[in-house]
C-alpha atoms as a PDB file:
ATOM      1  CA  MET A   1     -70.522-169.462 -32.656  1.00  0.00           C
ATOM      2  CA  GLN A   2     -67.624-167.035 -32.405  1.00  0.00           C
ATOM      3  CA  ALA A   3     -66.658-165.267 -29.195  1.00  0.00           C
ATOM      4  CA  GLY A   4     -64.664-162.495 -30.861  1.00  0.00           C
ATOM      5  CA  ASP A   5     -66.090-159.152 -31.984  1.00  0.00           C
ATOM      6  CA  ALA A   6     -68.460-159.119 -29.046  1.00  0.00           C
ATOM      7  CA  PRO A   7     -71.937-157.578 -29.243  1.00  0.00           C
ATOM      8  CA  PRO A   8     -72.189-153.998 -27.967  1.00  0.00           C
ATOM      9  CA  ALA A   9     -72.471-153.542 -24.206  1.00  0.00           C
ATOM     10  CA  MET A  10     -76.107-152.681 -23.488  1.00  0.00           C
ATOM     11  CA  GLY A  11     -78.612-153.336 -20.726  1.00  0.00           C
ATOM     12  CA  VAL A  12     -81.665-155.588 -20.998  1.00  0.00           C
ATOM     13  CA  VAL A  13     -84.067-152.765 -21.901  1.00  0.00           C
ATOM     14  CA  GLU A  14     -81.711-151.328 -24.554  1.00  0.00           C
ATOM     15  CA  TRP A  15     -81.308-154.717 -26.225  1.00  0.00           C
ATOM     16  CA  LEU A  16     -85.055-155.320 -26.238  1.00  0.00           C
ATOM     17  CA  GLN A  17     -85.829-151.855 -27.597  1.00  0.00           C
ATOM     18  CA  ARG A  18     -83.387-152.496 -30.447  1.00  0.00           C
ATOM     19  CA  MET A  19     -85.000-155.854 -31.260  1.00  0.00           C
ATOM     20  CA  HIS A  20     -88.480-154.362 -30.930  1.00  0.00           C
ATOM     21  CA  ALA A  21     -87.613-151.647 -33.468  1.00  0.00           C
ATOM     22  CA  GLY A  22     -85.925-154.152 -35.798  1.00  0.00           C
ATOM     23  CA  ALA A  23     -89.084-156.274 -36.003  1.00  0.00           C
ATOM     24  CA  ARG A  24     -91.258-153.314 -36.921  1.00  0.00           C
ATOM     25  CA  GLN A  25     -89.178-150.903 -38.978  1.00  0.00           C
ATOM     26  CA  ARG A  26     -87.779-153.135 -41.711  1.00  0.00           C
ATOM     27  CA  ASN A  27     -89.453-154.721 -44.713  1.00  0.00           C
ATOM     28  CA  TYR A  28     -88.656-158.403 -45.011  1.00  0.00           C
ATOM     29  CA  VAL A  29     -89.742-161.721 -46.476  1.00  0.00           C
ATOM     30  CA  GLY A  30     -88.663-164.996 -44.953  1.00  0.00           C
ATOM     31  CA  THR A  31     -89.401-168.577 -44.012  1.00  0.00           C
ATOM     32  CA  PHE A  32     -89.790-169.034 -40.265  1.00  0.00           C
ATOM     33  CA  VAL A  33     -89.453-172.452 -38.613  1.00  0.00           C
ATOM     34  CA  VAL A  34     -90.530-173.300 -35.053  1.00  0.00           C
ATOM     35  CA  SER A  35     -89.394-176.544 -33.439  1.00  0.00           C
ATOM     36  CA  ALA A  36     -90.237-177.868 -29.973  1.00  0.00           C
ATOM     37  CA  ALA A  37     -88.309-180.248 -27.740  1.00  0.00           C
ATOM     38  CA  GLY A  38     -91.035-182.873 -28.173  1.00  0.00           C
ATOM     39  CA  GLY A  39     -90.455-183.016 -31.926  1.00  0.00           C
ATOM     40  CA  ASP A  40     -93.289-180.713 -33.064  1.00  0.00           C
ATOM     41  CA  LEU A  41     -92.268-178.690 -36.107  1.00  0.00           C
ATOM     42  CA  SER A  42     -94.101-175.915 -37.921  1.00  0.00           C
ATOM     43  CA  SER A  43     -93.124-173.416 -40.564  1.00  0.00           C
ATOM     44  CA  ALA A  44     -94.565-170.303 -42.163  1.00  0.00           C
ATOM     45  CA  ARG A  45     -93.756-167.794 -44.883  1.00  0.00           C
ATOM     46  CA  ILE A  46     -93.806-164.193 -43.609  1.00  0.00           C
ATOM     47  CA  TRP A  47     -94.125-160.941 -45.569  1.00  0.00           C
ATOM     48  CA  HIS A  48     -93.709-157.819 -43.410  1.00  0.00           C
ATOM     49  CA  VAL A  49     -93.983-154.175 -44.516  1.00  0.00           C
ATOM     50  CA  ARG A  50     -93.776-150.896 -42.696  1.00  0.00           C
ATOM     51  CA  ASP A  51     -95.553-148.071 -44.506  1.00  0.00           C
ATOM     52  CA  GLY A  52     -95.406-144.906 -42.433  1.00  0.00           C
ATOM     53  CA  ASP A  53     -97.250-145.643 -39.177  1.00  0.00           C
ATOM     54  CA  MET A  54     -98.790-148.808 -40.621  1.00  0.00           C
ATOM     55  CA  GLN A  55     -97.467-152.316 -40.063  1.00  0.00           C
ATOM     56  CA  ILE A  56     -98.875-154.879 -42.450  1.00  0.00           C
ATOM     57  CA  GLU A  57     -97.993-158.530 -42.484  1.00  0.00           C
ATOM     58  CA  ARG A  58     -98.956-161.752 -44.220  1.00  0.00           C
ATOM     59  CA  ILE A  59     -98.214-165.127 -42.631  1.00  0.00           C
ATOM     60  CA  GLU A  60     -98.814-168.219 -44.760  1.00  0.00           C
ATOM     61  CA  ALA A  61     -98.735-171.538 -42.889  1.00  0.00           C
ATOM     62  CA  LEU A  62     -96.502-174.066 -44.658  1.00  0.00           C
ATOM     63  CA  SER A  63     -97.412-176.933 -42.320  1.00  0.00           C
ATOM     64  CA  GLY A  64    -100.701-178.161 -40.899  1.00  0.00           C
ATOM     65  CA  PRO A  65    -104.065-177.070 -42.333  1.00  0.00           C
ATOM     66  CA  PRO A  66    -103.885-174.272 -44.961  1.00  0.00           C
ATOM     67  CA  ARG A  67    -104.133-170.893 -43.249  1.00  0.00           C
ATOM     68  CA  SER A  68    -103.265-167.296 -44.157  1.00  0.00           C
ATOM     69  CA  THR A  69    -103.161-164.574 -41.522  1.00  0.00           C
ATOM     70  CA  PHE A  70    -103.060-160.880 -42.396  1.00  0.00           C
ATOM     71  CA  ARG A  71    -102.377-158.179 -39.831  1.00  0.00           C
ATOM     72  CA  ARG A  72    -102.688-154.454 -40.339  1.00  0.00           C
ATOM     73  CA  ASN A  73    -101.698-152.767 -37.116  1.00  0.00           C
ATOM     74  CA  HIS A  74    -104.209-154.211 -34.621  1.00  0.00           C
ATOM     75  CA  HIS A  75    -106.618-155.554 -37.262  1.00  0.00           C
ATOM     76  CA  VAL A  76    -106.183-159.300 -37.899  1.00  0.00           C
ATOM     77  CA  MET A  77    -107.866-161.508 -40.497  1.00  0.00           C
ATOM     78  CA  THR A  78    -107.289-165.265 -40.695  1.00  0.00           C
ATOM     79  CA  PHE A  79    -108.345-167.032 -43.911  1.00  0.00           C
ATOM     80  CA  LEU A  80    -109.218-170.730 -43.573  1.00  0.00           C
ATOM     81  CA  PRO A  81    -109.628-171.893 -47.200  1.00  0.00           C
ATOM     82  CA  GLU A  82    -110.855-175.415 -46.422  1.00  0.00           C
ATOM     83  CA  ALA A  83    -113.758-174.064 -44.350  1.00  0.00           C
ATOM     84  CA  LYS A  84    -114.152-170.938 -46.526  1.00  0.00           C
ATOM     85  CA  VAL A  85    -114.168-168.847 -43.359  1.00  0.00           C
ATOM     86  CA  VAL A  86    -112.390-165.588 -42.476  1.00  0.00           C
ATOM     87  CA  LYS A  87    -111.989-164.870 -38.774  1.00  0.00           C
ATOM     88  CA  VAL A  88    -111.732-161.145 -37.998  1.00  0.00           C
ATOM     89  CA  GLU A  89    -110.465-159.727 -34.715  1.00  0.00           C
ATOM     90  CA  LYS A  90    -108.437-156.983 -33.113  1.00  0.00           C
ATOM     91  CA  ARG A  91    -105.185-157.692 -31.299  1.00  0.00           C
ATOM     92  CA  GLU A  92    -103.137-155.247 -29.297  1.00  0.00           C
ATOM     93  CA  ASN A  93     -99.834-156.657 -30.527  1.00  0.00           C
ATOM     94  CA  LEU A  94     -98.315-158.435 -33.504  1.00  0.00           C
ATOM     95  CA  ASP A  95     -96.980-161.418 -31.546  1.00  0.00           C
ATOM     96  CA  LEU A  96     -93.431-160.525 -32.538  1.00  0.00           C
ATOM     97  CA  PHE A  97     -90.590-161.121 -30.114  1.00  0.00           C
ATOM     98  CA  PRO A  98     -89.912-159.147 -28.018  1.00  0.00           C
ATOM     99  CA  ASN A  99     -93.604-158.458 -27.468  1.00  0.00           C
ATOM    100  CA  LEU A 100     -93.102-155.083 -25.818  1.00  0.00           C
ATOM    101  CA  PRO A 101     -95.520-152.232 -25.237  1.00  0.00           C
ATOM    102  CA  ASP A 102     -94.742-149.038 -27.160  1.00  0.00           C
ATOM    103  CA  LYS A 103     -92.733-147.826 -24.176  1.00  0.00           C
ATOM    104  CA  PRO A 104     -90.826-150.817 -22.785  1.00  0.00           C
ATOM    105  CA  ASP A 105     -91.123-151.237 -19.035  1.00  0.00           C
ATOM    106  CA  SER A 106     -87.835-150.379 -17.355  1.00  0.00           C
ATOM    107  CA  SER A 107     -88.602-152.964 -14.634  1.00  0.00           C
ATOM    108  CA  ILE A 108     -87.757-155.808 -17.084  1.00  0.00           C
ATOM    109  CA  GLY A 109     -84.200-155.466 -15.761  1.00  0.00           C
ATOM    110  CA  ASP A 110     -85.462-156.444 -12.292  1.00  0.00           C
ATOM    111  CA  PHE A 111     -86.358-159.923 -13.592  1.00  0.00           C
ATOM    112  CA  TYR A 112     -83.772-160.655 -16.306  1.00  0.00           C
ATOM    113  CA  ASP A 113     -80.023-160.174 -16.733  1.00  0.00           C
ATOM    114  CA  VAL A 114     -78.410-159.950 -20.165  1.00  0.00           C
ATOM    115  CA  ARG A 115     -75.129-161.605 -21.121  1.00  0.00           C
ATOM    116  CA  ALA A 116     -73.363-161.131 -24.443  1.00  0.00           C
ATOM    117  CA  ILE A 117     -72.264-164.470 -25.919  1.00  0.00           C
ATOM    118  CA  GLY A 118     -70.638-163.532 -29.227  1.00  0.00           C
ATOM    119  CA  LYS A 119     -71.480-163.452 -32.908  1.00  0.00           C
ATOM    120  CA  ASP A 120     -72.858-165.990 -35.350  1.00  0.00           C
ATOM    121  CA  ARG A 121     -74.515-166.227 -38.762  1.00  0.00           C
ATOM    122  CA  VAL A 122     -78.172-167.046 -39.381  1.00  0.00           C
ATOM    123  CA  ALA A 123     -79.725-167.356 -42.850  1.00  0.00           C
ATOM    124  CA  GLY A 124     -76.627-165.662 -44.286  1.00  0.00           C
ATOM    125  CA  PHE A 125     -76.713-162.623 -41.974  1.00  0.00           C
ATOM    126  CA  ASP A 126     -74.283-161.624 -39.224  1.00  0.00           C
ATOM    127  CA  ALA A 127     -75.973-161.789 -35.859  1.00  0.00           C
ATOM    128  CA  ASP A 128     -75.213-160.686 -32.298  1.00  0.00           C
ATOM    129  CA  VAL A 129     -75.935-163.422 -29.765  1.00  0.00           C
ATOM    130  CA  VAL A 130     -77.085-162.597 -26.236  1.00  0.00           C
ATOM    131  CA  GLN A 131     -78.690-164.573 -23.447  1.00  0.00           C
ATOM    132  CA  LEU A 132     -81.427-163.337 -21.107  1.00  0.00           C
ATOM    133  CA  LEU A 133     -81.141-164.994 -17.715  1.00  0.00           C
ATOM    134  CA  PRO A 134     -84.236-164.952 -15.468  1.00  0.00           C
ATOM    135  CA  HIS A 135     -83.885-164.108 -11.791  1.00  0.00           C
ATOM    136  CA  ASP A 136     -86.448-166.707 -10.687  1.00  0.00           C
ATOM    137  CA  GLY A 137     -88.310-169.832 -11.773  1.00  0.00           C
ATOM    138  CA  LEU A 138     -91.426-167.950 -12.865  1.00  0.00           C
ATOM    139  CA  ARG A 139     -90.083-167.271 -16.360  1.00  0.00           C
ATOM    140  CA  PHE A 140     -87.972-168.939 -19.009  1.00  0.00           C
ATOM    141  CA  GLY A 141     -84.603-167.734 -20.219  1.00  0.00           C
ATOM    142  CA  TYR A 142     -83.850-166.823 -23.827  1.00  0.00           C
ATOM    143  CA  ARG A 143     -80.895-167.085 -26.184  1.00  0.00           C
ATOM    144  CA  ILE A 144     -81.331-164.559 -28.990  1.00  0.00           C
ATOM    145  CA  TRP A 145     -79.644-164.029 -32.344  1.00  0.00           C
ATOM    146  CA  SER A 146     -80.374-160.514 -33.685  1.00  0.00           C
ATOM    147  CA  GLU A 147     -79.293-159.189 -37.082  1.00  0.00           C
ATOM    148  CA  ARG A 148     -76.274-157.014 -36.468  1.00  0.00           C
ATOM    149  CA  ARG A 149     -77.375-153.934 -38.434  1.00  0.00           C
ATOM    150  CA  SER A 150     -81.126-153.801 -37.788  1.00  0.00           C
ATOM    151  CA  GLY A 151     -81.685-155.690 -34.518  1.00  0.00           C
ATOM    152  CA  LEU A 152     -84.270-157.995 -36.144  1.00  0.00           C
ATOM    153  CA  VAL A 153     -84.536-161.252 -34.178  1.00  0.00           C
ATOM    154  CA  MET A 154     -83.314-164.005 -36.511  1.00  0.00           C
ATOM    155  CA  LYS A 155     -83.322-166.920 -34.101  1.00  0.00           C
ATOM    156  CA  LEU A 156     -84.694-167.449 -30.611  1.00  0.00           C
ATOM    157  CA  GLN A 157     -84.268-170.300 -28.150  1.00  0.00           C
ATOM    158  CA  THR A 158     -86.458-170.588 -25.063  1.00  0.00           C
ATOM    159  CA  ILE A 159     -84.542-172.215 -22.217  1.00  0.00           C
ATOM    160  CA  ASP A 160     -85.915-173.830 -19.047  1.00  0.00           C
ATOM    161  CA  SER A 161     -84.433-173.907 -15.548  1.00  0.00           C
ATOM    162  CA  ASP A 162     -82.429-177.042 -16.431  1.00  0.00           C
ATOM    163  CA  SER A 163     -80.757-175.193 -19.353  1.00  0.00           C
ATOM    164  CA  ARG A 164     -82.707-177.256 -21.895  1.00  0.00           C
ATOM    165  CA  VAL A 165     -83.969-175.683 -25.117  1.00  0.00           C
ATOM    166  CA  VAL A 166     -87.743-176.218 -24.971  1.00  0.00           C
ATOM    167  CA  GLU A 167     -88.475-174.341 -28.186  1.00  0.00           C
ATOM    168  CA  GLN A 168     -86.515-172.798 -31.037  1.00  0.00           C
ATOM    169  CA  SER A 169     -87.717-170.455 -33.759  1.00  0.00           C
ATOM    170  CA  ALA A 170     -85.552-169.183 -36.600  1.00  0.00           C
ATOM    171  CA  PHE A 171     -85.519-167.826 -40.117  1.00  0.00           C
ATOM    172  CA  SER A 172     -84.223-170.529 -42.433  1.00  0.00           C
ATOM    173  CA  GLU A 173     -84.195-167.998 -45.272  1.00  0.00           C
ATOM    174  CA  LEU A 174     -84.602-164.213 -45.209  1.00  0.00           C
ATOM    175  CA  GLN A 175     -84.642-161.190 -47.520  1.00  0.00           C
ATOM    176  CA  LEU A 176     -84.165-157.905 -45.659  1.00  0.00           C
ATOM    177  CA  ASP A 177     -85.529-154.721 -47.258  1.00  0.00           C
ATOM    178  CA  ALA A 178     -87.496-156.902 -49.669  1.00  0.00           C
ATOM    179  CA  PRO A 179     -89.566-155.057 -52.325  1.00  0.00           C
ATOM    180  CA  VAL A 180     -92.929-155.877 -50.750  1.00  0.00           C
ATOM    181  CA  LYS A 181     -95.782-153.457 -51.430  1.00  0.00           C
ATOM    182  CA  ALA A 182     -98.170-152.616 -48.587  1.00  0.00           C
ATOM    183  CA  GLN A 183    -100.942-151.967 -51.123  1.00  0.00           C
ATOM    184  CA  ALA A 184    -100.615-155.480 -52.559  1.00  0.00           C
ATOM    185  CA  LEU A 185    -100.928-157.074 -49.106  1.00  0.00           C
ATOM    186  CA  ALA A 186    -103.869-154.793 -48.256  1.00  0.00           C
ATOM    187  CA  GLN A 187    -105.674-155.872 -51.460  1.00  0.00           C
ATOM    188  CA  MET A 188    -105.145-159.561 -50.610  1.00  0.00           C
ATOM    189  CA  MET A 189    -106.459-158.893 -47.116  1.00  0.00           C
ATOM    190  CA  ALA A 190    -109.616-157.267 -48.523  1.00  0.00           C
ATOM    191  CA  ASN A 191    -110.336-160.106 -50.971  1.00  0.00           C
ATOM    192  CA  THR A 192    -112.945-162.010 -48.956  1.00  0.00           C
ATOM    193  CA  GLY A 193    -115.118-163.095 -51.893  1.00  0.00           C
ATOM    194  CA  GLY A 194    -116.522-166.595 -51.367  1.00  0.00           C
ATOM    195  CA  TYR A 195    -115.682-166.589 -47.647  1.00  0.00           C
ATOM    196  CA  ARG A 196    -117.987-166.358 -44.640  1.00  0.00           C
ATOM    197  CA  ILE A 197    -116.792-163.646 -42.257  1.00  0.00           C
ATOM    198  CA  GLU A 198    -116.806-164.416 -38.532  1.00  0.00           C
ATOM    199  CA  LYS A 199    -116.113-161.439 -36.286  1.00  0.00           C
ATOM    200  CA  LEU A 200    -114.719-162.094 -32.845  1.00  0.00           C
ATOM    201  CA  GLU A 201    -116.501-159.498 -30.757  1.00  0.00           C
ATOM    202  CA  LEU A 202    -114.347-158.254 -27.892  1.00  0.00           C
ATOM    203  CA  GLU A 203    -115.562-155.678 -25.399  1.00  0.00           C
ATOM    204  CA  ARG A 204    -112.983-153.932 -23.266  1.00  0.00           C
ATOM    205  CA  THR A 205    -113.865-154.057 -19.588  1.00  0.00           C
ATOM    206  CA  SER A 206    -111.989-154.391 -16.289  1.00  0.00           C
ATOM    207  CA  ALA A 207    -111.331-157.057 -13.697  1.00  0.00           C
ATOM    208  CA  GLN A 208    -113.031-154.893 -11.078  1.00  0.00           C
ATOM    209  CA  ASP A 209    -116.192-154.480 -13.173  1.00  0.00           C
ATOM    210  CA  GLU A 210    -116.321-158.224 -13.917  1.00  0.00           C
ATOM    211  CA  GLY A 211    -115.736-159.201 -10.282  1.00  0.00           C
ATOM    212  CA  TRP A 212    -112.203-160.626 -10.377  1.00  0.00           C
ATOM    213  CA  THR A 213    -108.956-159.924  -8.560  1.00  0.00           C
ATOM    214  CA  LEU A 214    -105.563-161.457  -7.840  1.00  0.00           C
ATOM    215  CA  LYS A 215    -105.157-161.900  -4.088  1.00  0.00           C
ATOM    216  CA  SER A 216    -101.423-161.453  -4.543  1.00  0.00           C
ATOM    217  CA  PRO A 217     -99.594-160.386  -7.713  1.00  0.00           C
ATOM    218  CA  VAL A 218     -97.306-162.801  -9.543  1.00  0.00           C
ATOM    219  CA  ALA A 219     -93.860-161.183  -9.424  1.00  0.00           C
ATOM    220  CA  GLY A 220     -93.098-159.080 -12.487  1.00  0.00           C
ATOM    221  CA  PHE A 221     -96.374-159.767 -14.330  1.00  0.00           C
ATOM    222  CA  LYS A 222     -98.481-156.662 -14.840  1.00  0.00           C
ATOM    223  CA  PRO A 223    -102.046-156.599 -16.203  1.00  0.00           C
ATOM    224  CA  ARG A 224    -102.198-155.603 -19.879  1.00  0.00           C
ATOM    225  CA  SER A 225    -105.851-155.892 -20.870  1.00  0.00           C
ATOM    226  CA  PHE A 226    -109.221-157.299 -19.863  1.00  0.00           C
ATOM    227  CA  TYR A 227    -111.812-158.259 -22.475  1.00  0.00           C
ATOM    228  CA  ARG A 228    -115.234-159.808 -22.454  1.00  0.00           C
ATOM    229  CA  ARG A 229    -116.236-161.986 -25.395  1.00  0.00           C
ATOM    230  CA  GLY A 230    -119.296-164.060 -26.202  1.00  0.00           C
ATOM    231  CA  ASP A 231    -122.696-164.061 -27.805  1.00  0.00           C
ATOM    232  CA  LYS A 232    -125.124-161.169 -27.559  1.00  0.00           C
ATOM    233  CA  THR A 233    -127.325-162.941 -25.029  1.00  0.00           C
ATOM    234  CA  GLY A 234    -124.443-163.168 -22.574  1.00  0.00           C
ATOM    235  CA  GLN A 235    -125.117-166.858 -22.002  1.00  0.00           C
ATOM    236  CA  ASP A 236    -121.880-168.122 -23.512  1.00  0.00           C
ATOM    237  CA  ARG A 237    -119.499-165.479 -22.261  1.00  0.00           C
ATOM    238  CA  THR A 238    -115.794-165.646 -21.518  1.00  0.00           C
ATOM    239  CA  VAL A 239    -113.473-163.022 -20.115  1.00  0.00           C
ATOM    240  CA  GLN A 240    -109.772-162.837 -20.996  1.00  0.00           C
ATOM    241  CA  TRP A 241    -107.316-161.204 -18.595  1.00  0.00           C
ATOM    242  CA  THR A 242    -103.791-160.813 -19.943  1.00  0.00           C
ATOM    243  CA  PHE A 243    -100.541-160.168 -18.081  1.00  0.00           C
ATOM    244  CA  SER A 244     -96.950-159.615 -19.201  1.00  0.00           C
ATOM    245  CA  ASP A 245     -93.535-159.152 -17.638  1.00  0.00           C
ATOM    246  CA  GLY A 246     -92.413-157.384 -20.814  1.00  0.00           C
ATOM    247  CA  LEU A 247     -91.294-160.602 -22.501  1.00  0.00           C
ATOM    248  CA  ALA A 248     -93.486-163.491 -21.408  1.00  0.00           C
ATOM    249  CA  SER A 249     -97.269-163.201 -21.377  1.00  0.00           C
ATOM    250  CA  VAL A 250    -100.073-165.086 -19.636  1.00  0.00           C
ATOM    251  CA  SER A 251    -103.771-165.173 -20.555  1.00  0.00           C
ATOM    252  CA  LEU A 252    -106.477-166.168 -18.091  1.00  0.00           C
ATOM    253  CA  PHE A 253    -109.728-167.291 -19.751  1.00  0.00           C
ATOM    254  CA  ILE A 254    -112.586-167.441 -17.254  1.00  0.00           C
ATOM    255  CA  GLU A 255    -116.033-168.815 -18.058  1.00  0.00           C
ATOM    256  CA  ARG A 256    -119.055-170.286 -16.314  1.00  0.00           C
ATOM    257  CA  TYR A 257    -118.595-173.916 -15.326  1.00  0.00           C
ATOM    258  CA  ASP A 258    -120.832-176.224 -17.332  1.00  0.00           C
ATOM    259  CA  GLU A 259    -120.620-179.850 -16.247  1.00  0.00           C
ATOM    260  CA  LYS A 260    -121.964-181.084 -19.588  1.00  0.00           C
ATOM    261  CA  ARG A 261    -119.254-179.539 -21.742  1.00  0.00           C
ATOM    262  CA  ALA A 262    -116.398-178.756 -19.368  1.00  0.00           C
ATOM    263  CA  PRO A 263    -113.237-180.750 -20.040  1.00  0.00           C
ATOM    264  CA  ARG A 264    -111.465-182.373 -17.149  1.00  0.00           C
ATOM    265  CA  ASP A 265    -108.880-180.517 -15.137  1.00  0.00           C
ATOM    266  CA  GLY A 266    -105.572-180.956 -16.879  1.00  0.00           C
ATOM    267  CA  VAL A 267    -102.284-179.600 -18.152  1.00  0.00           C
ATOM    268  CA  LEU A 268    -100.885-179.273 -21.658  1.00  0.00           C
ATOM    269  CA  THR A 269     -97.375-178.482 -22.887  1.00  0.00           C
ATOM    270  CA  ILE A 270     -96.369-177.721 -26.477  1.00  0.00           C
ATOM    271  CA  GLY A 271     -92.843-176.377 -26.735  1.00  0.00           C
ATOM    272  CA  ALA A 272     -92.590-173.295 -24.537  1.00  0.00           C
ATOM    273  CA  THR A 273     -96.362-172.943 -24.215  1.00  0.00           C
ATOM    274  CA  ASN A 274     -98.010-174.373 -21.117  1.00  0.00           C
ATOM    275  CA  ALA A 275    -101.705-174.481 -20.302  1.00  0.00           C
ATOM    276  CA  ILE A 276    -103.706-175.535 -17.268  1.00  0.00           C
ATOM    277  CA  ARG A 277    -107.465-176.093 -17.000  1.00  0.00           C
ATOM    278  CA  ARG A 278    -109.289-176.289 -13.714  1.00  0.00           C
ATOM    279  CA  ARG A 279    -112.527-175.607 -11.940  1.00  0.00           C
ATOM    280  CA  LEU A 280    -112.023-172.838  -9.416  1.00  0.00           C
ATOM    281  CA  PRO A 281    -112.396-173.741  -5.724  1.00  0.00           C
ATOM    282  CA  GLU A 282    -115.179-172.532  -3.466  1.00  0.00           C
ATOM    283  CA  PRO A 283    -116.624-169.927  -3.309  1.00  0.00           C
ATOM    284  CA  ALA A 284    -115.979-169.551  -7.073  1.00  0.00           C
ATOM    285  CA  SER A 285    -116.681-173.172  -7.991  1.00  0.00           C
ATOM    286  CA  ASP A 286    -119.232-172.220 -10.639  1.00  0.00           C
ATOM    287  CA  TRP A 287    -116.343-170.822 -12.715  1.00  0.00           C
ATOM    288  CA  TRP A 288    -113.822-172.537 -14.969  1.00  0.00           C
ATOM    289  CA  LEU A 289    -110.282-171.270 -15.628  1.00  0.00           C
ATOM    290  CA  THR A 290    -107.966-171.923 -18.564  1.00  0.00           C
ATOM    291  CA  ALA A 291    -104.540-170.304 -18.101  1.00  0.00           C
ATOM    292  CA  VAL A 292    -102.130-170.215 -21.060  1.00  0.00           C
ATOM    293  CA  GLY A 293     -98.673-168.731 -21.489  1.00  0.00           C
ATOM    294  CA  GLU A 294     -95.091-169.193 -22.625  1.00  0.00           C
ATOM    295  CA  VAL A 295     -94.050-169.589 -19.009  1.00  0.00           C
ATOM    296  CA  PRO A 296     -93.269-172.497 -16.673  1.00  0.00           C
ATOM    297  CA  GLN A 297     -96.282-174.369 -15.356  1.00  0.00           C
ATOM    298  CA  GLN A 298     -95.600-173.142 -11.806  1.00  0.00           C
ATOM    299  CA  THR A 299     -96.289-169.586 -13.022  1.00  0.00           C
ATOM    300  CA  LEU A 300     -99.740-170.587 -14.272  1.00  0.00           C
ATOM    301  CA  ASN A 301    -100.374-172.371 -10.963  1.00  0.00           C
ATOM    302  CA  ALA A 302     -99.466-169.159  -9.113  1.00  0.00           C
ATOM    303  CA  PHE A 303    -102.042-167.218 -11.140  1.00  0.00           C
ATOM    304  CA  ALA A 304    -104.685-169.901 -10.590  1.00  0.00           C
ATOM    305  CA  GLN A 305    -104.104-169.952  -6.835  1.00  0.00           C
ATOM    306  CA  SER A 306    -104.259-166.163  -6.594  1.00  0.00           C
ATOM    307  CA  LEU A 307    -107.372-165.650  -8.741  1.00  0.00           C
ATOM    308  CA  ALA A 308    -110.402-164.796  -6.623  1.00  0.00           C
ATOM    309  CA  ARG A 309    -114.015-163.733  -7.095  1.00  0.00           C
ATOM    310  CA  THR A 310    -114.936-160.395  -5.535  1.00  0.00           C
ATOM    311  CA  ARG A 311    -118.706-160.763  -5.692  1.00  0.00           C
END
């Protein structure tokens, strides 16, 4: 990494807006590799096209079970060829870093500082390197390589409070402005012949209507969405409450406690992703919580301790 020719002087929000635009406005094809501190490694081939207001993307898993995911704006279809199943759902974002709303929250600067490190090269492209330093232990830090001309994030390291890299994701190979046709991806997405289609039915609702609240907010994390999912009878129903600080996100999945099928309380860590599972304490002990996010475990514990039933 070279210290000379420093990245431009910008604030946290400006840097993130530039990266946000870079991920959405350019056509590209590349191989993306994710590695975790524990040795887990996964890779995928990504085709991304912007066509007017439409974002369309194809992600082909190169490791693990065969899987192809297509995304057209908020519409997502995942093809599982071994099971001959297509899972269809709507998502509010494309899971691209930085995972910002359309108008980035200016309060991100209250929870992260930005420091320019220098320049480097990734997959043959010149990149600016910056580090995002969290103000507290509720969020990870990030070291980010962004393509110098477009702002596209080429490489990302997630860093814990002990300055260890817990997860790294990077393009090992990339074509910017690749001649990818949106129509060709759309045709592949529509080709569901021979597959069984499973629609994930999500109904937008609110924490208030479903009888949930946080007794005290978790600093910096604002509610993004609240959905109810489940079968039509309502017997097997789960709600999902999502929060974000503008970079990191947390999902709370809440469902009825069933002693016969409930797993034990526990924790799980894969790279930067942590998860906790627990039965809620009285008076909400007939409910089960699974909290998941790319945040330290103490952040998930804070959400779990603050979650309360209002009826």
